[in-house]
Amino acid sequence: MTLRKHGILLWMAALLAPLSVTSCLPTFDVDVATPEPIKVDLSMDVHVYQHGKDDEKATESQASYRAAMNSRRDRMQEIQELKNNRFIGENREGKVEIRNKPAGEYGDYVAKTVRDENKDREFLMRHESEEKGVGLGKIREEQWRHWQRKSFPGEWVEVEDPDGTGYVWEQKEAAGG
């Protein structure tokens, strides 16, 4: 064997030696369990679309749907801030409603924000009604229940009157209270 080949073999043996030693080291267990189970709160929407001869109309509808969703996402923080300040609440039609309108320009801003939010919500509810082939009233009730559940304690929500004759506004209570 030439000196060069012998040197390469020694070099490879030197590189592989630590690998063989590490496999002989004692192993130990690591406990990665948590004292309480990990809790995950997940919310998901599923939309099913059918493509066919009305593809152009469907494409326009999808563009409008995406625009409404994007507008709502862009104003989400504003809506939450208005809820936190108790200016608006969730009504029984699945929309937001002004409960305490501030004076002046800020009051105008609140009214415009509510109008824009409700326009998008109405479009999306009508879209869902057509997609599912169910009445708009059923979709509105589903949205009303959805927003009641998602509201934080202290926010205004419209609820059924305890005697069942109508609806009343109340501030949502904490889960335990």
C-alpha atoms as a PDB file:
ATOM      1  CA  MET A   1       0.000   0.000   0.000  1.00  0.00           C
ATOM      2  CA  THR A   2       1.257   3.451  -0.842  1.00  0.00           C
ATOM      3  CA  LEU A   3       1.909   6.033   1.782  1.00  0.00           C
ATOM      4  CA  ARG A   4      -0.878   8.242   0.395  1.00  0.00           C
ATOM      5  CA  LYS A   5      -3.537   5.462   0.604  1.00  0.00           C
ATOM      6  CA  HIS A   6      -2.372   4.551   4.096  1.00  0.00           C
ATOM      7  CA  GLY A   7      -2.717   8.196   5.217  1.00  0.00           C
ATOM      8  CA  ILE A   8      -6.265   8.442   3.862  1.00  0.00           C
ATOM      9  CA  LEU A   9      -7.278   5.252   5.691  1.00  0.00           C
ATOM     10  CA  LEU A  10      -5.820   6.541   8.967  1.00  0.00           C
ATOM     11  CA  TRP A  11      -7.606   9.883   8.454  1.00  0.00           C
ATOM     12  CA  MET A  12     -10.969   8.115   7.859  1.00  0.00           C
ATOM     13  CA  ALA A  13     -10.455   5.883  10.897  1.00  0.00           C
ATOM     14  CA  ALA A  14      -9.761   8.957  13.023  1.00  0.00           C
ATOM     15  CA  LEU A  15     -13.023  10.563  11.837  1.00  0.00           C
ATOM     16  CA  LEU A  16     -15.131   7.452  12.428  1.00  0.00           C
ATOM     17  CA  ALA A  17     -13.675   6.549  15.830  1.00  0.00           C
ATOM     18  CA  PRO A  18     -15.734   9.096  17.838  1.00  0.00           C
ATOM     19  CA  LEU A  19     -18.909   7.813  16.207  1.00  0.00           C
ATOM     20  CA  SER A  20     -18.292   4.284  17.373  1.00  0.00           C
ATOM     21  CA  VAL A  21     -17.498   5.458  20.904  1.00  0.00           C
ATOM     22  CA  THR A  22     -20.674   7.528  21.259  1.00  0.00           C
ATOM     23  CA  SER A  23     -22.841   4.512  20.568  1.00  0.00           C
ATOM     24  CA  CYS A  24     -21.356   2.825  23.628  1.00  0.00           C
ATOM     25  CA  LEU A  25     -22.158   5.674  26.023  1.00  0.00           C
ATOM     26  CA  PRO A  26     -24.824   4.961  28.636  1.00  0.00           C
ATOM     27  CA  THR A  27     -28.314   6.227  27.779  1.00  0.00           C
ATOM     28  CA  PHE A  28     -30.678   8.034  30.109  1.00  0.00           C
ATOM     29  CA  ASP A  29     -34.352   8.922  29.958  1.00  0.00           C
ATOM     30  CA  VAL A  30     -35.622  12.502  29.733  1.00  0.00           C
ATOM     31  CA  ASP A  31     -39.097  13.126  31.110  1.00  0.00           C
ATOM     32  CA  VAL A  32     -40.920  15.561  28.792  1.00  0.00           C
ATOM     33  CA  ALA A  33     -44.394  15.041  30.254  1.00  0.00           C
ATOM     34  CA  THR A  34     -46.361  18.046  31.475  1.00  0.00           C
ATOM     35  CA  PRO A  35     -48.233  18.023  34.795  1.00  0.00           C
ATOM     36  CA  GLU A  36     -51.409  19.222  33.014  1.00  0.00           C
ATOM     37  CA  PRO A  37     -52.461  18.321  29.484  1.00  0.00           C
ATOM     38  CA  ILE A  38     -51.789  20.978  26.869  1.00  0.00           C
ATOM     39  CA  LYS A  39     -55.024  22.694  25.899  1.00  0.00           C
ATOM     40  CA  VAL A  40     -55.577  23.979  22.365  1.00  0.00           C
ATOM     41  CA  ASP A  41     -58.426  26.267  21.322  1.00  0.00           C
ATOM     42  CA  LEU A  42     -58.980  25.870  17.589  1.00  0.00           C
ATOM     43  CA  SER A  43     -61.497  27.619  15.376  1.00  0.00           C
ATOM     44  CA  MET A  44     -61.840  26.675  11.729  1.00  0.00           C
ATOM     45  CA  ASP A  45     -64.094  27.487   8.815  1.00  0.00           C
ATOM     46  CA  VAL A  46     -64.487  25.114   5.873  1.00  0.00           C
ATOM     47  CA  HIS A  47     -65.737  26.388   2.544  1.00  0.00           C
ATOM     48  CA  VAL A  48     -66.650  24.004  -0.258  1.00  0.00           C
ATOM     49  CA  TYR A  49     -66.857  25.386  -3.779  1.00  0.00           C
ATOM     50  CA  GLN A  50     -68.281  23.850  -6.904  1.00  0.00           C
ATOM     51  CA  HIS A  51     -66.812  24.851 -10.256  1.00  0.00           C
ATOM     52  CA  GLY A  52     -68.786  24.499 -13.445  1.00  0.00           C
ATOM     53  CA  LYS A  53     -70.403  26.445 -16.228  1.00  0.00           C
ATOM     54  CA  ASP A  54     -70.840  29.524 -14.049  1.00  0.00           C
ATOM     55  CA  ASP A  55     -67.088  29.855 -13.458  1.00  0.00           C
ATOM     56  CA  GLU A  56     -66.983  33.557 -14.383  1.00  0.00           C
ATOM     57  CA  LYS A  57     -69.771  34.404 -11.941  1.00  0.00           C
ATOM     58  CA  ALA A  58     -68.115  32.194  -9.323  1.00  0.00           C
ATOM     59  CA  THR A  59     -64.771  33.963  -9.862  1.00  0.00           C
ATOM     60  CA  GLU A  60     -66.411  37.376  -9.330  1.00  0.00           C
ATOM     61  CA  SER A  61     -68.210  36.069  -6.270  1.00  0.00           C
ATOM     62  CA  GLN A  62     -64.962  34.645  -4.887  1.00  0.00           C
ATOM     63  CA  ALA A  63     -63.194  37.973  -5.445  1.00  0.00           C
ATOM     64  CA  SER A  64     -65.978  39.783  -3.564  1.00  0.00           C
ATOM     65  CA  TYR A  65     -65.887  37.134  -0.841  1.00  0.00           C
ATOM     66  CA  ARG A  66     -62.111  37.523  -0.425  1.00  0.00           C
ATOM     67  CA  ALA A  67     -62.449  41.327  -0.415  1.00  0.00           C
ATOM     68  CA  ALA A  68     -65.076  41.170   2.353  1.00  0.00           C
ATOM     69  CA  MET A  69     -62.954  38.757   4.393  1.00  0.00           C
ATOM     70  CA  ASN A  70     -59.867  40.956   3.974  1.00  0.00           C
ATOM     71  CA  SER A  71     -61.801  44.085   4.974  1.00  0.00           C
ATOM     72  CA  ARG A  72     -63.078  42.365   8.099  1.00  0.00           C
ATOM     73  CA  ARG A  73     -59.601  41.130   8.986  1.00  0.00           C
ATOM     74  CA  ASP A  74     -58.179  44.633   8.478  1.00  0.00           C
ATOM     75  CA  ARG A  75     -60.744  46.198  10.825  1.00  0.00           C
ATOM     76  CA  MET A  76     -60.745  43.378  13.406  1.00  0.00           C
ATOM     77  CA  GLN A  77     -58.637  45.355  15.884  1.00  0.00           C
ATOM     78  CA  GLU A  78     -60.859  48.437  15.534  1.00  0.00           C
ATOM     79  CA  ILE A  79     -64.008  46.388  16.167  1.00  0.00           C
ATOM     80  CA  GLN A  80     -62.466  44.779  19.246  1.00  0.00           C
ATOM     81  CA  GLU A  81     -61.393  48.162  20.576  1.00  0.00           C
ATOM     82  CA  LEU A  82     -64.945  49.500  20.137  1.00  0.00           C
ATOM     83  CA  LYS A  83     -66.284  46.428  21.978  1.00  0.00           C
ATOM     84  CA  ASN A  84     -63.717  46.857  24.756  1.00  0.00           C
ATOM     85  CA  ASN A  85     -64.819  50.492  25.161  1.00  0.00           C
ATOM     86  CA  ARG A  86     -68.441  49.269  25.335  1.00  0.00           C
ATOM     87  CA  PHE A  87     -69.475  51.423  22.350  1.00  0.00           C
ATOM     88  CA  ILE A  88     -70.794  48.480  20.308  1.00  0.00           C
ATOM     89  CA  GLY A  89     -72.197  45.010  20.885  1.00  0.00           C
ATOM     90  CA  GLU A  90     -73.197  41.870  19.008  1.00  0.00           C
ATOM     91  CA  ASN A  91     -76.876  41.850  18.054  1.00  0.00           C
ATOM     92  CA  ARG A  92     -79.250  38.964  17.318  1.00  0.00           C
ATOM     93  CA  GLU A  93     -78.805  39.355  13.542  1.00  0.00           C
ATOM     94  CA  GLY A  94     -75.113  38.427  13.627  1.00  0.00           C
ATOM     95  CA  LYS A  95     -74.083  42.066  13.244  1.00  0.00           C
ATOM     96  CA  VAL A  96     -72.607  44.748  15.463  1.00  0.00           C
ATOM     97  CA  GLU A  97     -74.737  47.570  16.795  1.00  0.00           C
ATOM     98  CA  ILE A  98     -73.879  50.860  18.434  1.00  0.00           C
ATOM     99  CA  ARG A  99     -74.784  50.793  22.136  1.00  0.00           C
ATOM    100  CA  ASN A 100     -73.189  54.065  23.297  1.00  0.00           C
ATOM    101  CA  LYS A 101     -72.251  56.445  20.487  1.00  0.00           C
ATOM    102  CA  PRO A 102     -69.489  58.861  21.396  1.00  0.00           C
ATOM    103  CA  ALA A 103     -69.919  62.516  20.469  1.00  0.00           C
ATOM    104  CA  GLY A 104     -68.294  64.376  17.600  1.00  0.00           C
ATOM    105  CA  GLU A 105     -65.976  63.062  14.926  1.00  0.00           C
ATOM    106  CA  TYR A 106     -65.149  59.934  16.891  1.00  0.00           C
ATOM    107  CA  GLY A 107     -68.857  59.073  16.984  1.00  0.00           C
ATOM    108  CA  ASP A 108     -68.953  59.476  13.190  1.00  0.00           C
ATOM    109  CA  TYR A 109     -65.937  57.166  12.935  1.00  0.00           C
ATOM    110  CA  VAL A 110     -67.700  54.569  15.128  1.00  0.00           C
ATOM    111  CA  ALA A 111     -70.847  54.761  12.977  1.00  0.00           C
ATOM    112  CA  LYS A 112     -68.845  54.368   9.727  1.00  0.00           C
ATOM    113  CA  THR A 113     -66.855  51.442  11.137  1.00  0.00           C
ATOM    114  CA  VAL A 114     -70.062  49.687  12.249  1.00  0.00           C
ATOM    115  CA  ARG A 115     -71.677  50.339   8.857  1.00  0.00           C
ATOM    116  CA  ASP A 116     -68.657  48.915   6.983  1.00  0.00           C
ATOM    117  CA  GLU A 117     -68.439  45.866   9.264  1.00  0.00           C
ATOM    118  CA  ASN A 118     -72.146  45.125   8.915  1.00  0.00           C
ATOM    119  CA  LYS A 119     -72.009  45.503   5.131  1.00  0.00           C
ATOM    120  CA  ASP A 120     -69.256  42.844   4.978  1.00  0.00           C
ATOM    121  CA  ARG A 121     -70.999  40.583   7.500  1.00  0.00           C
ATOM    122  CA  GLU A 122     -74.266  40.811   5.542  1.00  0.00           C
ATOM    123  CA  PHE A 123     -72.490  39.952   2.274  1.00  0.00           C
ATOM    124  CA  LEU A 124     -70.751  36.969   3.874  1.00  0.00           C
ATOM    125  CA  MET A 125     -73.953  35.692   5.495  1.00  0.00           C
ATOM    126  CA  ARG A 126     -75.832  35.936   2.170  1.00  0.00           C
ATOM    127  CA  HIS A 127     -72.948  34.160   0.445  1.00  0.00           C
ATOM    128  CA  GLU A 128     -73.022  31.358   3.024  1.00  0.00           C
ATOM    129  CA  SER A 129     -76.809  31.095   2.742  1.00  0.00           C
ATOM    130  CA  GLU A 130     -76.576  30.620  -1.034  1.00  0.00           C
ATOM    131  CA  GLU A 131     -73.689  28.158  -0.739  1.00  0.00           C
ATOM    132  CA  LYS A 132     -75.412  25.987   1.851  1.00  0.00           C
ATOM    133  CA  GLY A 133     -78.868  26.389   0.345  1.00  0.00           C
ATOM    134  CA  VAL A 134     -80.377  27.398   3.688  1.00  0.00           C
ATOM    135  CA  GLY A 135     -82.402  30.430   4.701  1.00  0.00           C
ATOM    136  CA  LEU A 136     -80.654  33.661   5.603  1.00  0.00           C
ATOM    137  CA  GLY A 137     -82.462  33.647   8.964  1.00  0.00           C
ATOM    138  CA  LYS A 138     -80.763  30.385   9.928  1.00  0.00           C
ATOM    139  CA  ILE A 139     -77.331  31.782   9.007  1.00  0.00           C
ATOM    140  CA  ARG A 140     -78.011  34.967  10.992  1.00  0.00           C
ATOM    141  CA  GLU A 141     -78.948  32.909  14.048  1.00  0.00           C
ATOM    142  CA  GLU A 142     -75.793  30.769  13.674  1.00  0.00           C
ATOM    143  CA  GLN A 143     -73.677  33.928  13.478  1.00  0.00           C
ATOM    144  CA  TRP A 144     -75.494  35.445  16.451  1.00  0.00           C
ATOM    145  CA  ARG A 145     -74.733  32.350  18.556  1.00  0.00           C
ATOM    146  CA  HIS A 146     -71.158  32.272  17.268  1.00  0.00           C
ATOM    147  CA  TRP A 147     -70.479  35.900  18.250  1.00  0.00           C
ATOM    148  CA  GLN A 148     -72.173  35.412  21.633  1.00  0.00           C
ATOM    149  CA  ARG A 149     -69.738  32.568  22.371  1.00  0.00           C
ATOM    150  CA  LYS A 150     -66.698  34.496  21.129  1.00  0.00           C
ATOM    151  CA  SER A 151     -67.508  37.693  23.031  1.00  0.00           C
ATOM    152  CA  PHE A 152     -65.377  38.474  26.045  1.00  0.00           C
ATOM    153  CA  PRO A 153     -66.746  39.127  29.540  1.00  0.00           C
ATOM    154  CA  GLY A 154     -68.078  42.673  29.822  1.00  0.00           C
ATOM    155  CA  GLU A 155     -68.897  43.048  26.104  1.00  0.00           C
ATOM    156  CA  TRP A 156     -72.454  43.863  25.066  1.00  0.00           C
ATOM    157  CA  VAL A 157     -74.461  40.995  23.554  1.00  0.00           C
ATOM    158  CA  GLU A 158     -78.121  40.773  22.661  1.00  0.00           C
ATOM    159  CA  VAL A 159     -79.728  37.749  24.329  1.00  0.00           C
ATOM    160  CA  GLU A 160     -83.157  36.211  24.537  1.00  0.00           C
ATOM    161  CA  ASP A 161     -85.357  37.713  27.222  1.00  0.00           C
ATOM    162  CA  PRO A 162     -85.686  35.253  30.137  1.00  0.00           C
ATOM    163  CA  ASP A 163     -89.475  35.186  29.705  1.00  0.00           C
ATOM    164  CA  GLY A 164     -89.036  34.312  26.010  1.00  0.00           C
ATOM    165  CA  THR A 165     -90.982  37.309  24.706  1.00  0.00           C
ATOM    166  CA  GLY A 166     -88.140  39.196  23.061  1.00  0.00           C
ATOM    167  CA  TYR A 167     -84.506  40.194  23.330  1.00  0.00           C
ATOM    168  CA  VAL A 168     -82.498  42.290  25.768  1.00  0.00           C
ATOM    169  CA  TRP A 169     -79.001  43.702  25.824  1.00  0.00           C
ATOM    170  CA  GLU A 170     -76.668  42.611  28.588  1.00  0.00           C
ATOM    171  CA  GLN A 171     -72.979  42.559  29.268  1.00  0.00           C
ATOM    172  CA  LYS A 172     -71.543  39.082  28.987  1.00  0.00           C
ATOM    173  CA  GLU A 173     -70.538  37.574  32.300  1.00  0.00           C
ATOM    174  CA  ALA A 174     -67.356  35.654  33.026  1.00  0.00           C
ATOM    175  CA  ALA A 175     -67.558  31.883  32.505  1.00  0.00           C
ATOM    176  CA  GLY A 176     -67.740  31.117  36.232  1.00  0.00           C
ATOM    177  CA  GLY A 177     -70.119  33.898  37.174  1.00  0.00           C
END
